């Protein structure tokens, strides 16, 4: 029973990848933040004649993904004070049943 609960926990994440991609897309194109990645960034008026700088676009995309992911982690950590996560429930289950779990992910990590 403990091993089954542990294998279920391996597939859970705090960050929703689908939600992050949708928010990044909504911030870049409808909110017109993609103009920040042009060679001369300007949010007031968009000029299609100014080419997009690929380095700025890469930085902007990654910055948005990191910020949105960080907000999701902070949100779930704050929610976990009121509603415990499945990881906390697993720790409680192991404590109640008096079972110790020792996981070695590589053959030589125990040495």
PDB file of N, CA and C in Angstrom:
ATOM      1  N   UNK A   1       0.825  -1.188   0.000  1.00  0.00           N
ATOM      2  CA  UNK A   1       0.000   0.000   0.000  1.00  0.00           C
ATOM      3  C   UNK A   1       0.874   1.258   0.000  1.00  0.00           C
ATOM      4  N   UNK A   2       1.932   1.245   0.786  1.00  0.00           N
ATOM      5  CA  UNK A   2       2.823   2.406   0.853  1.00  0.00           C
ATOM      6  C   UNK A   2       3.534   2.601  -0.487  1.00  0.00           C
ATOM      7  N   UNK A   3       3.959   1.510  -1.114  1.00  0.00           N
ATOM      8  CA  UNK A   3       4.653   1.616  -2.404  1.00  0.00           C
ATOM      9  C   UNK A   3       3.717   2.158  -3.486  1.00  0.00           C
ATOM     10  N   UNK A   4       2.457   1.764  -3.454  1.00  0.00           N
ATOM     11  CA  UNK A   4       1.502   2.292  -4.431  1.00  0.00           C
ATOM     12  C   UNK A   4       1.278   3.793  -4.240  1.00  0.00           C
ATOM     13  N   UNK A   5       1.177   4.227  -3.009  1.00  0.00           N
ATOM     14  CA  UNK A   5       1.004   5.662  -2.740  1.00  0.00           C
ATOM     15  C   UNK A   5       2.233   6.451  -3.185  1.00  0.00           C
ATOM     16  N   UNK A   6       3.408   5.860  -2.979  1.00  0.00           N
ATOM     17  CA  UNK A   6       4.646   6.540  -3.363  1.00  0.00           C
ATOM     18  C   UNK A   6       4.761   6.665  -4.876  1.00  0.00           C
ATOM     19  N   UNK A   7       4.365   5.649  -5.620  1.00  0.00           N
ATOM     20  CA  UNK A   7       4.431   5.737  -7.082  1.00  0.00           C
ATOM     21  C   UNK A   7       3.432   6.752  -7.630  1.00  0.00           C
ATOM     22  N   UNK A   8       2.309   6.959  -6.955  1.00  0.00           N
ATOM     23  CA  UNK A   8       1.362   7.999  -7.381  1.00  0.00           C
ATOM     24  C   UNK A   8       1.952   9.391  -7.184  1.00  0.00           C
ATOM     25  N   UNK A   9       2.769   9.556  -6.154  1.00  0.00           N
ATOM     26  CA  UNK A   9       3.330  10.875  -5.853  1.00  0.00           C
ATOM     27  C   UNK A   9       4.420  11.282  -6.838  1.00  0.00           C
ATOM     28  N   UNK A  10       5.044  10.322  -7.507  1.00  0.00           N
ATOM     29  CA  UNK A  10       6.125  10.651  -8.433  1.00  0.00           C
ATOM     30  C   UNK A  10       5.635  11.452  -9.637  1.00  0.00           C
ATOM     31  N   UNK A  11       4.369  11.368  -9.976  1.00  0.00           N
ATOM     32  CA  UNK A  11       3.845  12.033 -11.162  1.00  0.00           C
ATOM     33  C   UNK A  11       3.171  13.363 -10.871  1.00  0.00           C
ATOM     34  N   UNK A  12       3.177  13.838  -9.653  1.00  0.00           N
ATOM     35  CA  UNK A  12       2.489  15.085  -9.315  1.00  0.00           C
ATOM     36  C   UNK A  12       3.454  16.259  -9.330  1.00  0.00           C
ATOM     37  N   UNK A  13       2.938  17.413  -9.773  1.00  0.00           N
ATOM     38  CA  UNK A  13       3.749  18.622  -9.863  1.00  0.00           C
ATOM     39  C   UNK A  13       3.011  19.787  -9.214  1.00  0.00           C
ATOM     40  N   UNK A  14       3.780  20.779  -8.813  1.00  0.00           N
ATOM     41  CA  UNK A  14       3.183  22.018  -8.326  1.00  0.00           C
ATOM     42  C   UNK A  14       2.851  22.955  -9.485  1.00  0.00           C
ATOM     43  N   UNK A  15       3.596  22.842 -10.579  1.00  0.00           N
ATOM     44  CA  UNK A  15       3.441  23.755 -11.708  1.00  0.00           C
ATOM     45  C   UNK A  15       2.664  23.059 -12.817  1.00  0.00           C
ATOM     46  N   UNK A  16       1.624  23.717 -13.309  1.00  0.00           N
ATOM     47  CA  UNK A  16       0.857  23.205 -14.438  1.00  0.00           C
ATOM     48  C   UNK A  16       1.486  23.747 -15.722  1.00  0.00           C
ATOM     49  N   UNK A  17       2.019  22.859 -16.535  1.00  0.00           N
ATOM     50  CA  UNK A  17       2.696  23.275 -17.759  1.00  0.00           C
ATOM     51  C   UNK A  17       1.699  23.883 -18.745  1.00  0.00           C
ATOM     52  N   UNK A  18       0.520  23.290 -18.847  1.00  0.00           N
ATOM     53  CA  UNK A  18      -0.474  23.797 -19.783  1.00  0.00           C
ATOM     54  C   UNK A  18      -0.920  25.205 -19.423  1.00  0.00           C
ATOM     55  N   UNK A  19      -1.175  25.442 -18.143  1.00  0.00           N
ATOM     56  CA  UNK A  19      -1.585  26.773 -17.693  1.00  0.00           C
ATOM     57  C   UNK A  19      -0.473  27.791 -17.923  1.00  0.00           C
ATOM     58  N   UNK A  20       0.762  27.407 -17.693  1.00  0.00           N
ATOM     59  CA  UNK A  20       1.895  28.308 -17.908  1.00  0.00           C
ATOM     60  C   UNK A  20       2.013  28.701 -19.368  1.00  0.00           C
ATOM     61  N   UNK A  21       1.863  27.747 -20.274  1.00  0.00           N
ATOM     62  CA  UNK A  21       1.966  28.055 -21.704  1.00  0.00           C
ATOM     63  C   UNK A  21       0.828  28.975 -22.151  1.00  0.00           C
ATOM     64  N   UNK A  22      -0.377  28.738 -21.663  1.00  0.00           N
ATOM     65  CA  UNK A  22      -1.514  29.587 -22.039  1.00  0.00           C
ATOM     66  C   UNK A  22      -1.311  31.011 -21.527  1.00  0.00           C
ATOM     67  N   UNK A  23      -0.845  31.162 -20.301  1.00  0.00           N
ATOM     68  CA  UNK A  23      -0.634  32.508 -19.748  1.00  0.00           C
ATOM     69  C   UNK A  23       0.480  33.229 -20.489  1.00  0.00           C
ATOM     70  N   UNK A  24       1.568  32.526 -20.814  1.00  0.00           N
ATOM     71  CA  UNK A  24       2.669  33.153 -21.559  1.00  0.00           C
ATOM     72  C   UNK A  24       2.179  33.602 -22.934  1.00  0.00           C
ATOM     73  N   UNK A  25       1.398  32.768 -23.613  1.00  0.00           N
ATOM     74  CA  UNK A  25       0.874  33.156 -24.918  1.00  0.00           C
ATOM     75  C   UNK A  25      -0.047  34.377 -24.806  1.00  0.00           C
ATOM     76  N   UNK A  26      -0.901  34.381 -23.784  1.00  0.00           N
ATOM     77  CA  UNK A  26      -1.821  35.513 -23.610  1.00  0.00           C
ATOM     78  C   UNK A  26      -1.085  36.797 -23.242  1.00  0.00           C
ATOM     79  N   UNK A  27       0.046  36.684 -22.586  1.00  0.00           N
ATOM     80  CA  UNK A  27       0.802  37.895 -22.249  1.00  0.00           C
ATOM     81  C   UNK A  27       1.630  38.379 -23.431  1.00  0.00           C
ATOM     82  N   UNK A  28       2.103  37.470 -24.274  1.00  0.00           N
ATOM     83  CA  UNK A  28       2.964  37.893 -25.377  1.00  0.00           C
ATOM     84  C   UNK A  28       2.178  38.497 -26.531  1.00  0.00           C
ATOM     85  N   UNK A  29       1.130  37.836 -26.983  1.00  0.00           N
ATOM     86  CA  UNK A  29       0.483  38.277 -28.217  1.00  0.00           C
ATOM     87  C   UNK A  29      -0.720  39.184 -27.992  1.00  0.00           C
ATOM     88  N   UNK A  30      -1.760  38.779 -27.254  1.00  0.00           N
ATOM     89  CA  UNK A  30      -2.872  39.732 -27.086  1.00  0.00           C
ATOM     90  C   UNK A  30      -2.493  40.967 -26.273  1.00  0.00           C
ATOM     91  N   UNK A  31      -1.624  40.829 -25.291  1.00  0.00           N
ATOM     92  CA  UNK A  31      -1.212  41.982 -24.493  1.00  0.00           C
ATOM     93  C   UNK A  31      -0.080  42.761 -25.171  1.00  0.00           C
ATOM     94  N   UNK A  32       0.393  42.256 -26.308  1.00  0.00           N
ATOM     95  CA  UNK A  32       1.389  42.923 -27.148  1.00  0.00           C
ATOM     96  C   UNK A  32       2.747  43.081 -26.461  1.00  0.00           C
ATOM     97  N   UNK A  33       3.104  42.153 -25.599  1.00  0.00           N
ATOM     98  CA  UNK A  33       4.434  42.183 -24.981  1.00  0.00           C
ATOM     99  C   UNK A  33       5.514  41.670 -25.923  1.00  0.00           C
ATOM    100  N   UNK A  34       5.119  41.111 -27.047  1.00  0.00           N
ATOM    101  CA  UNK A  34       6.107  40.627 -27.999  1.00  0.00           C
ATOM    102  C   UNK A  34       6.907  41.790 -28.586  1.00  0.00           C
ATOM    103  N   UNK A  35       6.353  43.006 -28.509  1.00  0.00           N
ATOM    104  CA  UNK A  35       7.099  44.177 -28.991  1.00  0.00           C
ATOM    105  C   UNK A  35       8.290  44.513 -28.105  1.00  0.00           C
ATOM    106  N   UNK A  36       8.335  43.964 -26.906  1.00  0.00           N
ATOM    107  CA  UNK A  36       9.508  44.172 -26.049  1.00  0.00           C
ATOM    108  C   UNK A  36      10.727  43.425 -26.569  1.00  0.00           C
ATOM    109  N   UNK A  37      10.526  42.457 -27.451  1.00  0.00           N
ATOM    110  CA  UNK A  37      11.656  41.693 -27.967  1.00  0.00           C
ATOM    111  C   UNK A  37      12.174  42.241 -29.295  1.00  0.00           C
ATOM    112  N   UNK A  38      11.702  43.396 -29.687  1.00  0.00           N
ATOM    113  CA  UNK A  38      12.229  44.021 -30.906  1.00  0.00           C
ATOM    114  C   UNK A  38      13.566  44.691 -30.607  1.00  0.00           C
ATOM    115  N   UNK A  39      14.282  45.053 -31.659  1.00  0.00           N
ATOM    116  CA  UNK A  39      15.590  45.680 -31.473  1.00  0.00           C
ATOM    117  C   UNK A  39      15.493  47.014 -30.742  1.00  0.00           C
ATOM    118  N   UNK A  40      14.402  47.757 -30.983  1.00  0.00           N
ATOM    119  CA  UNK A  40      14.103  48.977 -30.224  1.00  0.00           C
ATOM    120  C   UNK A  40      12.749  48.764 -29.580  1.00  0.00           C
ATOM    121  N   UNK A  41      12.704  48.252 -28.332  1.00  0.00           N
ATOM    122  CA  UNK A  41      11.416  47.927 -27.711  1.00  0.00           C
ATOM    123  C   UNK A  41      10.569  49.172 -27.462  1.00  0.00           C
ATOM    124  N   UNK A  42       9.274  49.036 -27.730  1.00  0.00           N
ATOM    125  CA  UNK A  42       8.344  50.126 -27.516  1.00  0.00           C
ATOM    126  C   UNK A  42       6.961  49.528 -27.310  1.00  0.00           C
ATOM    127  N   UNK A  43       6.347  49.773 -26.157  1.00  0.00           N
ATOM    128  CA  UNK A  43       5.014  49.261 -25.887  1.00  0.00           C
ATOM    129  C   UNK A  43       3.918  50.191 -26.366  1.00  0.00           C
ATOM    130  N   UNK A  44       4.252  51.463 -26.589  1.00  0.00           N
ATOM    131  CA  UNK A  44       3.233  52.443 -26.956  1.00  0.00           C
ATOM    132  C   UNK A  44       2.753  52.223 -28.386  1.00  0.00           C
ATOM    133  N   UNK A  45       3.678  52.112 -29.310  1.00  0.00           N
ATOM    134  CA  UNK A  45       3.288  51.901 -30.710  1.00  0.00           C
ATOM    135  C   UNK A  45       4.102  50.737 -31.261  1.00  0.00           C
ATOM    136  N   UNK A  46       3.416  49.833 -31.925  1.00  0.00           N
ATOM    137  CA  UNK A  46       4.117  48.681 -32.499  1.00  0.00           C
ATOM    138  C   UNK A  46       4.507  48.998 -33.935  1.00  0.00           C
ATOM    139  N   UNK A  47       5.736  48.775 -34.243  1.00  0.00           N
ATOM    140  CA  UNK A  47       6.238  48.998 -35.587  1.00  0.00           C
ATOM    141  C   UNK A  47       6.695  47.654 -36.146  1.00  0.00           C
ATOM    142  N   UNK A  48       6.068  47.239 -37.221  1.00  0.00           N
ATOM    143  CA  UNK A  48       6.430  45.960 -37.819  1.00  0.00           C
ATOM    144  C   UNK A  48       7.718  46.039 -38.625  1.00  0.00           C
ATOM    145  N   UNK A  49       8.224  47.242 -38.839  1.00  0.00           N
ATOM    146  CA  UNK A  49       9.455  47.399 -39.603  1.00  0.00           C
ATOM    147  C   UNK A  49      10.689  47.067 -38.776  1.00  0.00           C
ATOM    148  N   UNK A  50      10.595  47.169 -37.456  1.00  0.00           N
ATOM    149  CA  UNK A  50      11.730  46.869 -36.591  1.00  0.00           C
ATOM    150  C   UNK A  50      11.797  45.355 -36.398  1.00  0.00           C
ATOM    151  N   UNK A  51      12.926  44.744 -36.698  1.00  0.00           N
ATOM    152  CA  UNK A  51      13.015  43.278 -36.585  1.00  0.00           C
ATOM    153  C   UNK A  51      13.040  42.826 -35.122  1.00  0.00           C
ATOM    154  N   UNK A  52      12.610  41.586 -34.938  1.00  0.00           N
ATOM    155  CA  UNK A  52      12.612  40.990 -33.600  1.00  0.00           C
ATOM    156  C   UNK A  52      13.994  40.416 -33.318  1.00  0.00           C
ATOM    157  N   UNK A  53      14.548  40.771 -32.176  1.00  0.00           N
ATOM    158  CA  UNK A  53      15.835  40.252 -31.741  1.00  0.00           C
ATOM    159  C   UNK A  53      15.606  38.902 -31.064  1.00  0.00           C
ATOM    160  N   UNK A  54      16.232  37.861 -31.583  1.00  0.00           N
ATOM    161  CA  UNK A  54      15.990  36.513 -31.076  1.00  0.00           C
ATOM    162  C   UNK A  54      16.497  36.323 -29.645  1.00  0.00           C
ATOM    163  N   UNK A  55      17.564  36.996 -29.283  1.00  0.00           N
ATOM    164  CA  UNK A  55      18.096  36.882 -27.918  1.00  0.00           C
ATOM    165  C   UNK A  55      17.138  37.530 -26.924  1.00  0.00           C
ATOM    166  N   UNK A  56      16.608  38.700 -27.278  1.00  0.00           N
ATOM    167  CA  UNK A  56      15.625  39.355 -26.412  1.00  0.00           C
ATOM    168  C   UNK A  56      14.339  38.538 -26.318  1.00  0.00           C
ATOM    169  N   UNK A  57      13.923  37.938 -27.416  1.00  0.00           N
ATOM    170  CA  UNK A  57      12.713  37.123 -27.400  1.00  0.00           C
ATOM    171  C   UNK A  57      12.909  35.884 -26.521  1.00  0.00           C
ATOM    172  N   UNK A  58      14.061  35.251 -26.613  1.00  0.00           N
ATOM    173  CA  UNK A  58      14.363  34.091 -25.767  1.00  0.00           C
ATOM    174  C   UNK A  58      14.369  34.487 -24.291  1.00  0.00           C
ATOM    175  N   UNK A  59      15.002  35.622 -23.976  1.00  0.00           N
ATOM    176  CA  UNK A  59      15.051  36.095 -22.592  1.00  0.00           C
ATOM    177  C   UNK A  59      13.653  36.424 -22.078  1.00  0.00           C
ATOM    178  N   UNK A  60      12.852  37.102 -22.883  1.00  0.00           N
ATOM    179  CA  UNK A  60      11.496  37.483 -22.471  1.00  0.00           C
ATOM    180  C   UNK A  60      10.626  36.250 -22.227  1.00  0.00           C
ATOM    181  N   UNK A  61      10.690  35.280 -23.130  1.00  0.00           N
ATOM    182  CA  UNK A  61       9.899  34.056 -22.965  1.00  0.00           C
ATOM    183  C   UNK A  61      10.295  33.313 -21.699  1.00  0.00           C
ATOM    184  N   UNK A  62      11.589  33.142 -21.487  1.00  0.00           N
ATOM    185  CA  UNK A  62      12.050  32.422 -20.295  1.00  0.00           C
ATOM    186  C   UNK A  62      11.759  33.181 -19.006  1.00  0.00           C
ATOM    187  N   UNK A  63      11.858  34.498 -19.047  1.00  0.00           N
ATOM    188  CA  UNK A  63      11.536  35.289 -17.871  1.00  0.00           C
ATOM    189  C   UNK A  63      10.067  35.141 -17.498  1.00  0.00           C
ATOM    190  N   UNK A  64       9.195  35.179 -18.486  1.00  0.00           N
ATOM    191  CA  UNK A  64       7.763  35.001 -18.218  1.00  0.00           C
ATOM    192  C   UNK A  64       7.466  33.609 -17.665  1.00  0.00           C
ATOM    193  N   UNK A  65       8.101  32.584 -18.214  1.00  0.00           N
ATOM    194  CA  UNK A  65       7.884  31.217 -17.726  1.00  0.00           C
ATOM    195  C   UNK A  65       8.359  31.080 -16.289  1.00  0.00           C
ATOM    196  N   UNK A  66       9.513  31.648 -15.961  1.00  0.00           N
ATOM    197  CA  UNK A  66      10.029  31.568 -14.594  1.00  0.00           C
ATOM    198  C   UNK A  66       9.143  32.330 -13.609  1.00  0.00           C
ATOM    199  N   UNK A  67       8.677  33.509 -13.994  1.00  0.00           N
ATOM    200  CA  UNK A  67       7.834  34.297 -13.102  1.00  0.00           C
ATOM    201  C   UNK A  67       6.493  33.611 -12.865  1.00  0.00           C
ATOM    202  N   UNK A  68       5.881  33.108 -13.925  1.00  0.00           N
ATOM    203  CA  UNK A  68       4.593  32.430 -13.784  1.00  0.00           C
ATOM    204  C   UNK A  68       4.743  31.142 -12.989  1.00  0.00           C
ATOM    205  N   UNK A  69       5.818  30.385 -13.226  1.00  0.00           N
ATOM    206  CA  UNK A  69       6.073  29.173 -12.440  1.00  0.00           C
ATOM    207  C   UNK A  69       6.316  29.487 -10.975  1.00  0.00           C
ATOM    208  N   UNK A  70       7.050  30.559 -10.697  1.00  0.00           N
ATOM    209  CA  UNK A  70       7.276  30.966  -9.313  1.00  0.00           C
ATOM    210  C   UNK A  70       5.993  31.371  -8.609  1.00  0.00           C
ATOM    211  N   UNK A  71       5.116  32.064  -9.326  1.00  0.00           N
ATOM    212  CA  UNK A  71       3.826  32.444  -8.749  1.00  0.00           C
ATOM    213  C   UNK A  71       2.990  31.208  -8.444  1.00  0.00           C
ATOM    214  N   UNK A  72       3.022  30.220  -9.333  1.00  0.00           N
ATOM    215  CA  UNK A  72       2.269  28.988  -9.087  1.00  0.00           C
ATOM    216  C   UNK A  72       2.810  28.235  -7.876  1.00  0.00           C
ATOM    217  N   UNK A  73       4.125  28.184  -7.725  1.00  0.00           N
ATOM    218  CA  UNK A  73       4.717  27.494  -6.566  1.00  0.00           C
ATOM    219  C   UNK A  73       4.339  28.206  -5.275  1.00  0.00           C
ATOM    220  N   UNK A  74       4.442  29.530  -5.263  1.00  0.00           N
ATOM    221  CA  UNK A  74       4.075  30.295  -4.058  1.00  0.00           C
ATOM    222  C   UNK A  74       2.599  30.096  -3.735  1.00  0.00           C
ATOM    223  N   UNK A  75       1.736  30.098  -4.750  1.00  0.00           N
ATOM    224  CA  UNK A  75       0.310  29.895  -4.538  1.00  0.00           C
ATOM    225  C   UNK A  75       0.039  28.530  -3.911  1.00  0.00           C
ATOM    226  N   UNK A  76       0.645  27.471  -4.447  1.00  0.00           N
ATOM    227  CA  UNK A  76       0.396  26.135  -3.907  1.00  0.00           C
ATOM    228  C   UNK A  76       1.007  25.942  -2.526  1.00  0.00           C
ATOM    229  N   UNK A  77       2.121  26.609  -2.250  1.00  0.00           N
ATOM    230  CA  UNK A  77       2.696  26.531  -0.899  1.00  0.00           C
ATOM    231  C   UNK A  77       1.784  27.229   0.111  1.00  0.00           C
ATOM    232  N   UNK A  78       1.192  28.357  -0.275  1.00  0.00           N
ATOM    233  CA  UNK A  78       0.266  29.044   0.631  1.00  0.00           C
ATOM    234  C   UNK A  78      -1.019  28.251   0.831  1.00  0.00           C
ATOM    235  N   UNK A  79      -1.501  27.619  -0.220  1.00  0.00           N
ATOM    236  CA  UNK A  79      -2.704  26.797  -0.113  1.00  0.00           C
ATOM    237  C   UNK A  79      -2.447  25.571   0.754  1.00  0.00           C
ATOM    238  N   UNK A  80      -1.214  25.058   0.744  1.00  0.00           N
ATOM    239  CA  UNK A  80      -0.919  23.827   1.491  1.00  0.00           C
ATOM    240  C   UNK A  80      -0.994  24.028   3.007  1.00  0.00           C
ATOM    241  N   UNK A  81      -0.985  25.263   3.483  1.00  0.00           N
ATOM    242  CA  UNK A  81      -1.176  25.483   4.916  1.00  0.00           C
ATOM    243  C   UNK A  81      -2.605  25.140   5.334  1.00  0.00           C
ATOM    244  N   UNK A  82      -3.567  25.422   4.456  1.00  0.00           N
ATOM    245  CA  UNK A  82      -4.967  25.157   4.766  1.00  0.00           C
ATOM    246  C   UNK A  82      -5.392  23.753   4.344  1.00  0.00           C
ATOM    247  N   UNK A  83      -5.000  23.362   3.132  1.00  0.00           N
ATOM    248  CA  UNK A  83      -5.336  22.046   2.599  1.00  0.00           C
ATOM    249  C   UNK A  83      -4.037  21.287   2.363  1.00  0.00           C
ATOM    250  N   UNK A  84      -3.765  20.228   3.108  1.00  0.00           N
ATOM    251  CA  UNK A  84      -2.487  19.519   2.953  1.00  0.00           C
ATOM    252  C   UNK A  84      -2.359  18.866   1.578  1.00  0.00           C
ATOM    253  N   UNK A  85      -1.135  18.840   1.080  1.00  0.00           N
ATOM    254  CA  UNK A  85      -0.868  18.221  -0.215  1.00  0.00           C
ATOM    255  C   UNK A  85      -0.784  16.709  -0.057  1.00  0.00           C
ATOM    256  N   UNK A  86      -0.714  16.021  -1.180  1.00  0.00           N
ATOM    257  CA  UNK A  86      -0.617  14.567  -1.146  1.00  0.00           C
ATOM    258  C   UNK A  86       0.707  14.111  -0.543  1.00  0.00           C
ATOM    259  N   UNK A  87       1.769  14.904  -0.714  1.00  0.00           N
ATOM    260  CA  UNK A  87       3.054  14.556  -0.101  1.00  0.00           C
ATOM    261  C   UNK A  87       2.955  14.611   1.427  1.00  0.00           C
ATOM    262  N   UNK A  88       2.279  15.626   1.942  1.00  0.00           N
ATOM    263  CA  UNK A  88       2.101  15.726   3.390  1.00  0.00           C
ATOM    264  C   UNK A  88       1.212  14.601   3.911  1.00  0.00           C
ATOM    265  N   UNK A  89       0.202  14.228   3.131  1.00  0.00           N
ATOM    266  CA  UNK A  89      -0.643  13.104   3.532  1.00  0.00           C
ATOM    267  C   UNK A  89       0.150  11.798   3.542  1.00  0.00           C
ATOM    268  N   UNK A  90       1.090  11.640   2.601  1.00  0.00           N
ATOM    269  CA  UNK A  90       1.924  10.444   2.568  1.00  0.00           C
ATOM    270  C   UNK A  90       2.838  10.374   3.786  1.00  0.00           C
ATOM    271  N   UNK A  91       3.408  11.502   4.166  1.00  0.00           N
ATOM    272  CA  UNK A  91       4.259  11.539   5.359  1.00  0.00           C
ATOM    273  C   UNK A  91       3.436  11.203   6.601  1.00  0.00           C
ATOM    274  N   UNK A  92       2.218  11.720   6.683  1.00  0.00           N
ATOM    275  CA  UNK A  92       1.339  11.390   7.808  1.00  0.00           C
ATOM    276  C   UNK A  92       0.986   9.907   7.825  1.00  0.00           C
ATOM    277  N   UNK A  93       0.741   9.329   6.638  1.00  0.00           N
ATOM    278  CA  UNK A  93       0.433   7.913   6.553  1.00  0.00           C
ATOM    279  C   UNK A  93       1.608   7.067   7.031  1.00  0.00           C
ATOM    280  N   UNK A  94       2.806   7.442   6.639  1.00  0.00           N
ATOM    281  CA  UNK A  94       3.996   6.696   7.084  1.00  0.00           C
ATOM    282  C   UNK A  94       4.207   6.852   8.591  1.00  0.00           C
ATOM    283  N   UNK A  95       3.914   8.025   9.127  1.00  0.00           N
ATOM    284  CA  UNK A  95       4.082   8.241  10.562  1.00  0.00           C
ATOM    285  C   UNK A  95       3.063   7.445  11.362  1.00  0.00           C
ATOM    286  N   UNK A  96       1.826   7.392  10.880  1.00  0.00           N
ATOM    287  CA  UNK A  96       0.783   6.659  11.609  1.00  0.00           C
ATOM    288  C   UNK A  96       1.046   5.156  11.574  1.00  0.00           C
ATOM    289  N   UNK A  97       1.472   4.638  10.419  1.00  0.00           N
ATOM    290  CA  UNK A  97       1.707   3.199  10.302  1.00  0.00           C
ATOM    291  C   UNK A  97       3.089   2.793  10.807  1.00  0.00           C
ATOM    292  N   UNK A  98       3.895   3.767  11.232  1.00  0.00           N
ATOM    293  CA  UNK A  98       5.235   3.529  11.769  1.00  0.00           C
ATOM    294  C   UNK A  98       6.120   2.808  10.750  1.00  0.00           C
ATOM    295  N   UNK A  99       6.095   3.313   9.529  1.00  0.00           N
ATOM    296  CA  UNK A  99       6.896   2.753   8.444  1.00  0.00           C
ATOM    297  C   UNK A  99       7.910   3.810   8.014  1.00  0.00           C
ATOM    298  N   UNK A 100       9.162   3.386   7.919  1.00  0.00           N
ATOM    299  CA  UNK A 100      10.206   4.267   7.413  1.00  0.00           C
ATOM    300  C   UNK A 100      10.405   3.990   5.933  1.00  0.00           C
ATOM    301  N   UNK A 101      10.569   5.034   5.155  1.00  0.00           N
ATOM    302  CA  UNK A 101      10.776   4.898   3.721  1.00  0.00           C
ATOM    303  C   UNK A 101      12.159   5.424   3.400  1.00  0.00           C
ATOM    304  N   UNK A 102      12.985   4.560   2.816  1.00  0.00           N
ATOM    305  CA  UNK A 102      14.338   4.921   2.419  1.00  0.00           C
ATOM    306  C   UNK A 102      14.457   4.623   0.936  1.00  0.00           C
ATOM    307  N   UNK A 103      14.661   5.653   0.131  1.00  0.00           N
ATOM    308  CA  UNK A 103      14.675   5.498  -1.318  1.00  0.00           C
ATOM    309  C   UNK A 103      16.088   5.721  -1.826  1.00  0.00           C
ATOM    310  N   UNK A 104      16.595   4.754  -2.588  1.00  0.00           N
ATOM    311  CA  UNK A 104      17.884   4.876  -3.248  1.00  0.00           C
ATOM    312  C   UNK A 104      17.604   4.845  -4.735  1.00  0.00           C
ATOM    313  N   UNK A 105      17.903   5.938  -5.430  1.00  0.00           N
ATOM    314  CA  UNK A 105      17.575   6.015  -6.855  1.00  0.00           C
ATOM    315  C   UNK A 105      18.682   5.477  -7.757  1.00  0.00           C
ATOM    316  N   UNK A 106      19.865   5.249  -7.242  1.00  0.00           N
ATOM    317  CA  UNK A 106      20.967   4.679  -8.006  1.00  0.00           C
ATOM    318  C   UNK A 106      21.564   3.535  -7.231  1.00  0.00           C
ATOM    319  N   UNK A 107      22.189   2.580  -7.897  1.00  0.00           N
ATOM    320  CA  UNK A 107      22.732   1.419  -7.187  1.00  0.00           C
ATOM    321  C   UNK A 107      23.845   1.768  -6.186  1.00  0.00           C
ATOM    322  N   UNK A 108      24.615   2.809  -6.415  1.00  0.00           N
ATOM    323  CA  UNK A 108      25.745   3.111  -5.534  1.00  0.00           C
ATOM    324  C   UNK A 108      25.508   4.310  -4.619  1.00  0.00           C
ATOM    325  N   UNK A 109      24.292   4.817  -4.545  1.00  0.00           N
ATOM    326  CA  UNK A 109      24.028   5.966  -3.684  1.00  0.00           C
ATOM    327  C   UNK A 109      23.996   5.599  -2.207  1.00  0.00           C
ATOM    328  N   UNK A 110      23.881   4.334  -1.862  1.00  0.00           N
ATOM    329  CA  UNK A 110      23.858   3.947  -0.466  1.00  0.00           C
ATOM    330  C   UNK A 110      25.242   3.792   0.132  1.00  0.00           C
ATOM    331  N   UNK A 111      26.287   3.836  -0.690  1.00  0.00           N
ATOM    332  CA  UNK A 111      27.650   3.607  -0.204  1.00  0.00           C
ATOM    333  C   UNK A 111      28.346   4.905   0.103  1.00  0.00           C
TER     334      UNK A 111
END
